[in-house]
Amino acid sequence: MKGLPTAVTLFKKDMGIMDKRRKIKATAAYSLVQIGTWAYYAVILSFAGNFLKEHGFTDSGVGLLLGAAAAVSFVLQILFAELVSRLKRLTMYTVGIAAAVLSDMTALAIGCYFIACSLLQALPGIGNTIGMEAIEAGSPTAYSVARGMGSLGYSIFAYVTGLLVASLGIRMVSYLGLVVSAIMLAGLFLYSSEIRAGSAASVTKEARSGGFFRQNKAFFIFLIGAVFLCINHNLITCFLYRIMLFKQGTAADQGLAAGISAIVEVPIMFLFPYIAKRIPCKALVCFSGLWFAVKSLCCFIVSTPGGMFVASALQIFSWGLYSIAAVDHVSKLVPAGETVRAQSYLASAAPIGGFISMLCGGFILDSLGVQALLLISTVCGLIGAAFILVSVIKKDWGKDSNCLNAN
């Protein structure tokens, strides 16, 4: 009998080790998904202006093509969410595999650049939904760590792409797109053991019949704010090449600025679980919304590539904090059975914002110039922050939710 407590203790210790190993394995696999997703974003979309200008597009033409791609992406995300909600055998994981394979196939084809841009804007939403479904089903995945690795991947590939484009030419965009889409596909296959089909994907008939937005009014207001923040973000991200040229920079400076924007996100994403234990999630979302406008205003004020590097570092408090806090907060705003739909709508804010910013951004640049673009971006950031604040203080919001990553 004396040995019994020791055996129990050893058993608990072994179980603890197994849990830690599973958490590391799950987080590592999901990190590959996030790295592939955001690196693809860095390579294909961040250098879309360079790529399309090289093939004879004007600023307005670039804006029209990317805006159309964003519109297609929005339709795809809503379509995916509805299909997953209604078809029991279809999961967002299956959709993710199909999207990754198609991204790999279109990366090398210049004629398929429109398809690649449409798909990549749907990938973050698909990846987030897959992760949230697995976590709600009991997976020990550390979402904030994986998302931080995604930003790290973005920064590395943005910097490398900038150097390679400057030295070897714009064709490197296609080759690197092939590499990062393969990374994403590998991550999805490795993460398959964490997927619990149908755990969070099912939507109750009651939720469907009542109307999603009618039952989640605060979320709808939040979504409007998210769209304006995405307009702010995309006006800078998608036209960074033109902004950097105006600030006397080069393609290599563009890659470095994009890399800085992403690398500064990593620390706050890794520290998010500790921050969320001390500060309410809704306060973090409101705080991050305001910093979108601050970053745009700083881009307007500075006049050199060095100043743009400093402004890019402010992304730690804007997109870096927002991208984690918003995903976690939305997961608590809606019933568990509506997670897929809510995350898909939240992710759709990016292509909606992208469509508006890309459609208007090229014309603004051609007619009014870079500084006007940055001022409009600042105004959109302020409007977005205001909508998010209104959604947070709305009375029917209920009690503040604890972030999933605070656990």
Protein backbone atom coordinates (compact mmCIF):
# COMPACT_ATOMS: atom_id res chain seq x y z
CA MET A 1 0.00 0.00 0.00
CA LYS A 2 2.93 2.31 0.59
CA GLY A 3 3.77 2.23 -3.08
CA LEU A 4 0.26 3.24 -4.17
CA PRO A 5 0.60 7.01 -3.68
CA THR A 6 3.90 6.90 -5.55
CA ALA A 7 2.26 5.05 -8.46
CA VAL A 8 -0.60 7.56 -8.56
CA THR A 9 1.86 10.43 -8.46
CA LEU A 10 3.90 8.93 -11.29
CA PHE A 11 0.72 8.33 -13.30
CA LYS A 12 -0.33 11.98 -12.88
CA LYS A 13 3.15 13.11 -13.83
CA ASP A 14 3.12 10.91 -16.94
CA MET A 15 -0.30 12.26 -17.89
CA GLY A 16 0.97 15.79 -17.39
CA ILE A 17 3.92 15.08 -19.66
CA MET A 18 1.61 13.58 -22.26
CA ASP A 19 -0.67 16.63 -22.11
CA LYS A 20 2.32 18.94 -22.55
CA ARG A 21 3.58 16.90 -25.48
CA ARG A 22 0.16 16.97 -27.10
CA LYS A 23 -0.06 20.72 -26.57
CA ILE A 24 3.38 21.25 -28.13
CA LYS A 25 2.55 18.96 -31.05
CA ALA A 26 -0.86 20.56 -31.66
CA THR A 27 0.50 24.10 -31.38
CA ALA A 28 3.45 23.30 -33.67
CA ALA A 29 1.16 21.84 -36.33
CA TYR A 30 -1.29 24.74 -36.11
CA SER A 31 1.65 27.16 -36.22
CA LEU A 32 2.56 25.75 -39.64
CA VAL A 33 -0.99 26.50 -40.78
CA GLN A 34 -0.70 30.08 -39.56
CA ILE A 35 2.84 30.51 -40.94
CA GLY A 36 1.78 29.26 -44.38
CA THR A 37 -1.35 31.43 -44.36
CA TRP A 38 0.30 34.71 -43.42
CA ALA A 39 3.49 34.08 -45.39
CA TYR A 40 1.29 33.54 -48.47
CA TYR A 41 -0.36 36.85 -47.62
CA ALA A 42 3.06 38.53 -47.38
CA VAL A 43 4.35 37.12 -50.65
CA ILE A 44 1.27 37.38 -52.89
CA LEU A 45 -0.78 40.33 -51.59
CA SER A 46 1.92 42.59 -50.13
CA PHE A 47 3.79 42.50 -53.44
CA ALA A 48 0.68 42.52 -55.64
CA GLY A 49 1.30 46.15 -56.57
CA ASN A 50 4.86 45.37 -57.66
CA PHE A 51 3.78 42.26 -59.56
CA LEU A 52 0.87 43.85 -61.40
CA LYS A 53 2.70 47.11 -62.16
CA GLU A 54 5.46 45.01 -63.70
CA HIS A 55 2.84 43.47 -66.01
CA GLY A 56 1.51 46.83 -67.20
CA PHE A 57 -1.23 47.66 -64.68
CA THR A 58 -1.84 51.24 -63.55
CA ASP A 59 -2.57 52.08 -59.89
CA SER A 60 -6.27 52.18 -60.73
CA GLY A 61 -5.99 48.84 -62.52
CA VAL A 62 -4.23 47.29 -59.55
CA GLY A 63 -6.95 48.57 -57.25
CA LEU A 64 -9.73 47.23 -59.48
CA LEU A 65 -8.21 43.75 -59.78
CA LEU A 66 -7.46 43.41 -56.09
CA GLY A 67 -10.83 44.87 -55.18
CA ALA A 68 -12.57 42.30 -57.37
CA ALA A 69 -10.47 39.56 -55.75
CA ALA A 70 -11.55 40.80 -52.31
CA ALA A 71 -15.20 40.73 -53.39
CA VAL A 72 -14.84 37.14 -54.58
CA SER A 73 -13.10 36.24 -51.33
CA PHE A 74 -15.99 37.69 -49.30
CA VAL A 75 -18.51 35.59 -51.24
CA LEU A 76 -16.33 32.50 -50.80
CA GLN A 77 -16.10 32.91 -47.02
CA ILE A 78 -19.84 33.34 -46.56
CA LEU A 79 -20.47 30.42 -48.90
CA PHE A 80 -18.03 28.21 -46.98
CA ALA A 81 -19.60 29.14 -43.63
CA GLU A 82 -23.13 28.38 -44.84
CA LEU A 83 -22.15 25.08 -46.45
CA VAL A 84 -20.26 23.93 -43.35
CA SER A 85 -23.22 24.95 -41.17
CA ARG A 86 -25.73 23.00 -43.25
CA LEU A 87 -23.83 19.96 -44.55
CA LYS A 88 -22.91 17.52 -41.79
CA ARG A 89 -20.17 15.80 -43.77
CA LEU A 90 -18.41 19.02 -44.73
CA THR A 91 -16.03 20.66 -42.27
CA MET A 92 -13.96 23.82 -42.46
CA TYR A 93 -10.89 21.55 -42.29
CA THR A 94 -11.89 19.98 -45.63
CA VAL A 95 -12.40 23.44 -47.08
CA GLY A 96 -8.94 24.44 -45.81
CA ILE A 97 -7.28 21.46 -47.49
CA ALA A 98 -8.98 22.25 -50.80
CA ALA A 99 -8.02 25.95 -50.57
CA ALA A 100 -4.38 25.11 -49.77
CA VAL A 101 -4.12 22.71 -52.72
CA LEU A 102 -5.66 25.26 -55.09
CA SER A 103 -3.33 27.98 -53.74
CA ASP A 104 -0.36 25.73 -54.48
CA MET A 105 -1.60 25.13 -58.03
CA THR A 106 -2.14 28.83 -58.80
CA ALA A 107 1.06 30.20 -57.24
CA LEU A 108 3.21 29.73 -60.36
CA ALA A 109 0.64 30.77 -62.95
CA ILE A 110 0.64 34.48 -63.81
CA GLY A 111 -2.80 34.14 -65.37
CA CYS A 112 -4.15 32.75 -62.09
CA TYR A 113 -2.94 35.66 -59.94
CA PHE A 114 -6.52 36.85 -59.51
CA ILE A 115 -7.53 33.42 -58.16
CA ALA A 116 -4.54 33.40 -55.80
CA CYS A 117 -5.46 36.85 -54.44
CA SER A 118 -9.07 35.77 -53.96
CA LEU A 119 -8.14 32.59 -52.10
CA LEU A 120 -5.52 34.10 -49.84
CA GLN A 121 -7.97 36.64 -48.41
CA ALA A 122 -10.22 33.76 -47.36
CA LEU A 123 -7.40 31.72 -45.82
CA PRO A 124 -7.07 33.59 -42.46
CA GLY A 125 -10.77 33.09 -41.72
CA ILE A 126 -10.59 29.41 -42.64
CA GLY A 127 -7.50 28.94 -40.47
CA ASN A 128 -9.01 30.77 -37.49
CA THR A 129 -12.22 28.75 -37.68
CA ILE A 130 -10.32 25.46 -37.84
CA GLY A 131 -8.33 26.46 -34.74
CA MET A 132 -11.36 27.67 -32.77
CA GLU A 133 -13.32 24.51 -33.61
CA ALA A 134 -10.46 22.33 -32.37
CA ILE A 135 -9.97 24.38 -29.18
CA GLU A 136 -13.68 24.30 -28.32
CA ALA A 137 -13.61 20.53 -28.88
CA GLY A 138 -10.84 20.17 -26.28
CA SER A 139 -7.62 20.62 -28.24
CA PRO A 140 -4.79 22.10 -26.11
CA THR A 141 -3.66 24.29 -29.02
CA ALA A 142 -2.18 27.62 -27.88
CA TYR A 143 -3.88 29.86 -30.45
CA SER A 144 -2.04 33.07 -29.57
CA VAL A 145 1.36 31.36 -29.86
CA ALA A 146 0.46 29.85 -33.25
CA ARG A 147 -0.86 33.20 -34.47
CA GLY A 148 2.35 34.82 -33.29
CA MET A 149 4.32 32.31 -35.34
CA GLY A 150 2.16 33.31 -38.29
CA SER A 151 3.24 36.92 -37.89
CA LEU A 152 6.85 35.80 -37.56
CA GLY A 153 6.48 33.88 -40.82
CA TYR A 154 4.93 36.95 -42.44
CA SER A 155 7.82 39.17 -41.37
CA ILE A 156 10.50 36.74 -42.54
CA PHE A 157 8.93 36.10 -45.94
CA ALA A 158 8.06 39.77 -46.47
CA TYR A 159 11.69 40.74 -45.87
CA VAL A 160 13.09 37.87 -47.95
CA THR A 161 10.65 38.57 -50.79
CA GLY A 162 11.65 42.23 -50.82
CA LEU A 163 15.33 41.32 -51.12
CA LEU A 164 14.75 38.67 -53.80
CA VAL A 165 12.46 40.90 -55.87
CA ALA A 166 15.02 43.71 -55.73
CA SER A 167 17.87 41.42 -56.81
CA LEU A 168 16.29 38.68 -58.98
CA GLY A 169 13.08 40.23 -60.22
CA ILE A 170 9.34 40.02 -59.67
CA ARG A 171 9.14 36.37 -60.79
CA MET A 172 10.34 35.39 -57.29
CA VAL A 173 6.85 36.21 -55.99
CA SER A 174 5.42 33.16 -57.79
CA TYR A 175 8.17 30.80 -56.63
CA LEU A 176 7.88 31.86 -52.99
CA GLY A 177 4.09 31.57 -53.20
CA LEU A 178 4.55 27.93 -54.12
CA VAL A 179 6.78 27.35 -51.09
CA VAL A 180 4.50 28.95 -48.48
CA SER A 181 1.33 27.30 -49.77
CA ALA A 182 3.13 23.93 -49.39
CA ILE A 183 3.96 24.84 -45.77
CA MET A 184 0.28 25.59 -45.10
CA LEU A 185 -0.81 22.30 -46.63
CA ALA A 186 1.71 20.36 -44.53
CA GLY A 187 0.44 22.06 -41.37
CA LEU A 188 -3.16 21.15 -42.16
CA PHE A 189 -2.27 17.47 -42.60
CA LEU A 190 -0.28 17.41 -39.34
CA TYR A 191 -3.14 19.14 -37.49
CA SER A 192 -5.75 16.64 -38.65
CA SER A 193 -5.57 14.68 -35.37
CA GLU A 194 -6.88 17.71 -33.46
CA ILE A 195 -9.98 18.13 -35.59
CA ARG A 196 -13.30 17.01 -34.12
CA ALA A 197 -15.71 17.12 -37.02
CA GLY A 198 -19.01 18.73 -36.20
CA SER A 199 -18.05 19.85 -32.69
CA ALA A 200 -18.56 23.53 -33.21
CA ALA A 201 -19.73 23.54 -36.78
CA SER A 202 -23.32 22.60 -36.18
CA VAL A 203 -25.85 25.39 -36.10
CA THR A 204 -29.15 24.90 -34.35
CA LYS A 205 -32.40 25.41 -36.21
CA GLU A 206 -33.42 27.97 -33.62
CA ALA A 207 -30.38 30.09 -34.39
CA ARG A 208 -30.99 29.85 -38.12
CA SER A 209 -34.67 30.72 -38.07
CA GLY A 210 -34.26 33.71 -35.79
CA GLY A 211 -31.68 35.39 -37.98
CA PHE A 212 -28.04 35.52 -36.97
CA PHE A 213 -27.60 39.29 -36.88
CA ARG A 214 -30.96 39.93 -35.20
CA GLN A 215 -29.88 37.68 -32.35
CA ASN A 216 -26.37 39.14 -32.20
CA LYS A 217 -26.83 42.89 -32.63
CA ALA A 218 -23.70 43.85 -30.73
CA PHE A 219 -21.66 41.54 -32.94
CA PHE A 220 -23.14 43.22 -36.03
CA ILE A 221 -22.03 46.65 -34.78
CA PHE A 222 -18.63 45.18 -33.97
CA LEU A 223 -18.44 43.80 -37.51
CA ILE A 224 -19.04 47.24 -39.02
CA GLY A 225 -16.16 48.59 -36.95
CA ALA A 226 -13.99 45.69 -38.07
CA VAL A 227 -14.67 46.54 -41.72
CA PHE A 228 -13.50 50.14 -41.23
CA LEU A 229 -10.37 48.94 -39.44
CA CYS A 230 -9.66 46.61 -42.34
CA ILE A 231 -10.09 49.47 -44.81
CA ASN A 232 -7.53 51.41 -42.77
CA HIS A 233 -5.16 48.44 -42.68
CA ASN A 234 -5.48 47.56 -46.38
CA LEU A 235 -5.01 51.11 -47.65
CA ILE A 236 -1.51 50.97 -46.20
CA THR A 237 -0.67 47.30 -46.71
CA CYS A 238 -1.80 46.96 -50.32
CA PHE A 239 -0.32 50.27 -51.45
CA LEU A 240 2.80 50.15 -49.32
CA TYR A 241 5.01 50.10 -52.41
CA ARG A 242 3.62 53.43 -53.64
CA ILE A 243 3.74 54.90 -50.15
CA MET A 244 7.36 53.84 -49.73
CA LEU A 245 8.33 55.31 -53.12
CA PHE A 246 6.73 58.61 -52.06
CA LYS A 247 8.79 58.48 -48.85
CA GLN A 248 11.94 58.01 -51.00
CA GLY A 249 12.20 54.26 -50.37
CA THR A 250 12.69 51.14 -52.51
CA ALA A 251 11.19 47.64 -52.88
CA ALA A 252 13.72 46.41 -50.32
CA ASP A 253 12.52 49.13 -47.89
CA GLN A 254 8.96 48.01 -48.56
CA GLY A 255 9.87 44.44 -47.61
CA LEU A 256 11.63 45.63 -44.47
CA ALA A 257 8.68 47.82 -43.41
CA ALA A 258 6.26 44.92 -43.95
CA GLY A 259 8.62 42.66 -42.00
CA ILE A 260 8.81 45.10 -39.09
CA SER A 261 5.01 45.39 -39.00
CA ALA A 262 4.72 41.64 -38.63
CA ILE A 263 7.67 40.93 -36.33
CA VAL A 264 6.47 43.43 -33.69
CA GLU A 265 3.18 41.50 -33.49
CA VAL A 266 4.95 38.39 -32.21
CA PRO A 267 5.74 39.49 -28.61
CA ILE A 268 2.23 40.73 -27.86
CA MET A 269 0.72 37.58 -29.33
CA PHE A 270 2.95 35.36 -27.20
CA LEU A 271 2.18 37.46 -24.11
CA PHE A 272 -1.54 37.72 -24.82
CA PRO A 273 -2.61 34.90 -22.44
CA TYR A 274 -1.01 36.79 -19.54
CA ILE A 275 -2.34 40.19 -20.63
CA ALA A 276 -5.89 38.82 -21.04
CA LYS A 277 -5.89 37.58 -17.44
CA ARG A 278 -5.42 41.14 -16.19
CA ILE A 279 -7.26 43.29 -18.72
CA PRO A 280 -10.81 42.58 -20.04
CA CYS A 281 -10.90 41.44 -23.64
CA LYS A 282 -13.33 44.20 -24.67
CA ALA A 283 -10.90 46.82 -23.33
CA LEU A 284 -8.06 45.29 -25.37
CA VAL A 285 -10.17 45.37 -28.55
CA CYS A 286 -11.11 49.04 -28.02
CA PHE A 287 -7.51 49.98 -27.28
CA SER A 288 -6.22 48.23 -30.40
CA GLY A 289 -8.87 49.87 -32.60
CA LEU A 290 -7.62 53.34 -31.73
CA TRP A 291 -4.05 52.46 -32.67
CA PHE A 292 -5.02 51.77 -36.28
CA ALA A 293 -5.64 55.50 -36.66
CA VAL A 294 -2.46 56.39 -34.75
CA LYS A 295 -0.32 54.27 -37.06
CA SER A 296 -1.87 55.81 -40.21
CA LEU A 297 -1.37 59.30 -38.85
CA CYS A 298 2.30 58.56 -38.17
CA CYS A 299 2.71 57.28 -41.74
CA PHE A 300 1.24 60.60 -42.92
CA ILE A 301 3.62 62.67 -40.77
CA VAL A 302 6.93 60.94 -41.57
CA SER A 303 8.85 61.70 -44.77
CA THR A 304 11.62 59.08 -44.95
CA PRO A 305 11.90 55.27 -45.07
CA GLY A 306 13.28 55.39 -41.52
CA GLY A 307 10.13 57.15 -40.36
CA MET A 308 8.03 54.50 -42.09
CA PHE A 309 9.94 51.82 -40.20
CA VAL A 310 9.04 53.52 -36.92
CA ALA A 311 5.39 53.86 -37.96
CA SER A 312 5.35 50.20 -38.97
CA ALA A 313 6.44 49.23 -35.46
CA LEU A 314 3.21 50.70 -34.07
CA GLN A 315 1.40 47.69 -35.49
CA ILE A 316 2.17 45.95 -32.20
CA PHE A 317 -0.79 47.80 -30.65
CA SER A 318 -3.07 47.84 -33.72
CA TRP A 319 -3.30 44.72 -35.86
CA GLY A 320 -1.04 42.71 -33.54
CA LEU A 321 -3.34 43.06 -30.54
CA TYR A 322 -6.61 43.28 -32.48
CA SER A 323 -6.14 40.08 -34.49
CA ILE A 324 -5.92 38.00 -31.30
CA ALA A 325 -8.38 39.85 -29.07
CA ALA A 326 -11.10 40.05 -31.75
CA VAL A 327 -11.00 36.33 -32.59
CA ASP A 328 -11.14 35.32 -28.94
CA HIS A 329 -13.80 37.87 -28.04
CA VAL A 330 -16.10 36.93 -30.92
CA SER A 331 -15.94 33.27 -29.87
CA LYS A 332 -17.59 34.31 -26.59
CA LEU A 333 -20.12 36.70 -28.12
CA VAL A 334 -22.18 34.07 -29.91
CA PRO A 335 -23.52 30.63 -28.92
CA ALA A 336 -21.08 27.75 -29.32
CA GLY A 337 -22.99 26.35 -32.28
CA GLU A 338 -22.56 29.64 -34.17
CA THR A 339 -18.77 29.83 -33.86
CA VAL A 340 -18.10 28.88 -37.48
CA ARG A 341 -20.53 31.49 -38.79
CA ALA A 342 -19.28 34.24 -36.44
CA GLN A 343 -15.62 33.61 -37.22
CA SER A 344 -16.37 33.52 -40.94
CA TYR A 345 -18.22 36.84 -40.77
CA LEU A 346 -15.39 38.36 -38.73
CA ALA A 347 -12.86 37.11 -41.28
CA SER A 348 -15.06 38.48 -44.08
CA ALA A 349 -14.44 41.98 -42.73
CA ALA A 350 -10.95 41.74 -44.24
CA PRO A 351 -12.05 41.13 -47.85
CA ILE A 352 -14.88 43.67 -47.53
CA GLY A 353 -12.39 46.24 -46.25
CA GLY A 354 -9.95 45.06 -48.90
CA PHE A 355 -12.52 45.45 -51.66
CA ILE A 356 -13.37 49.02 -50.63
CA SER A 357 -9.75 50.07 -50.04
CA MET A 358 -8.41 48.48 -53.22
CA LEU A 359 -11.27 49.77 -55.34
CA CYS A 360 -10.87 53.32 -54.03
CA GLY A 361 -7.17 53.33 -53.17
CA GLY A 362 -5.90 53.27 -56.74
CA PHE A 363 -8.16 56.14 -57.76
CA ILE A 364 -7.17 58.13 -54.67
CA LEU A 365 -3.50 57.66 -55.50
CA ASP A 366 -3.97 58.62 -59.15
CA SER A 367 -6.06 61.70 -58.40
CA LEU A 368 -5.09 62.93 -54.92
CA GLY A 369 -1.78 61.29 -54.05
CA VAL A 370 -0.22 59.32 -51.21
CA GLN A 371 -0.81 61.84 -48.40
CA ALA A 372 -4.55 61.97 -49.12
CA LEU A 373 -4.62 58.18 -49.02
CA LEU A 374 -3.01 58.17 -45.57
CA LEU A 375 -5.41 60.83 -44.24
CA ILE A 376 -8.43 58.85 -45.44
CA SER A 377 -6.92 55.75 -43.85
CA THR A 378 -6.65 57.63 -40.53
CA VAL A 379 -10.31 58.71 -40.68
CA CYS A 380 -11.40 55.12 -41.39
CA GLY A 381 -9.40 53.96 -38.36
CA LEU A 382 -11.18 56.47 -36.12
CA ILE A 383 -14.61 55.44 -37.43
CA GLY A 384 -13.80 51.77 -36.89
CA ALA A 385 -12.63 52.38 -33.33
CA ALA A 386 -15.85 54.32 -32.62
CA PHE A 387 -18.09 51.49 -33.85
CA ILE A 388 -16.19 48.95 -31.75
CA LEU A 389 -16.55 51.16 -28.68
CA VAL A 390 -20.31 51.48 -29.29
CA SER A 391 -20.64 47.71 -29.63
CA VAL A 392 -18.79 47.16 -26.37
CA ILE A 393 -20.89 49.56 -24.30
CA LYS A 394 -24.17 48.35 -25.79
CA LYS A 395 -26.42 47.24 -22.92
CA ASP A 396 -27.44 43.89 -24.37
CA TRP A 397 -23.78 42.90 -24.77
CA GLY A 398 -23.91 41.13 -21.42
CA LYS A 399 -21.10 40.44 -19.04
CA ASP A 400 -17.56 40.71 -20.26
CA SER A 401 -16.17 37.45 -21.59
CA ASN A 402 -12.85 35.99 -20.63
CA CYS A 403 -10.59 35.38 -23.61
CA LEU A 404 -10.04 31.77 -24.60
CA ASN A 405 -6.30 32.32 -24.47
CA ALA A 406 -6.47 33.62 -20.92
CA ASN A 407 -7.08 30.12 -19.64
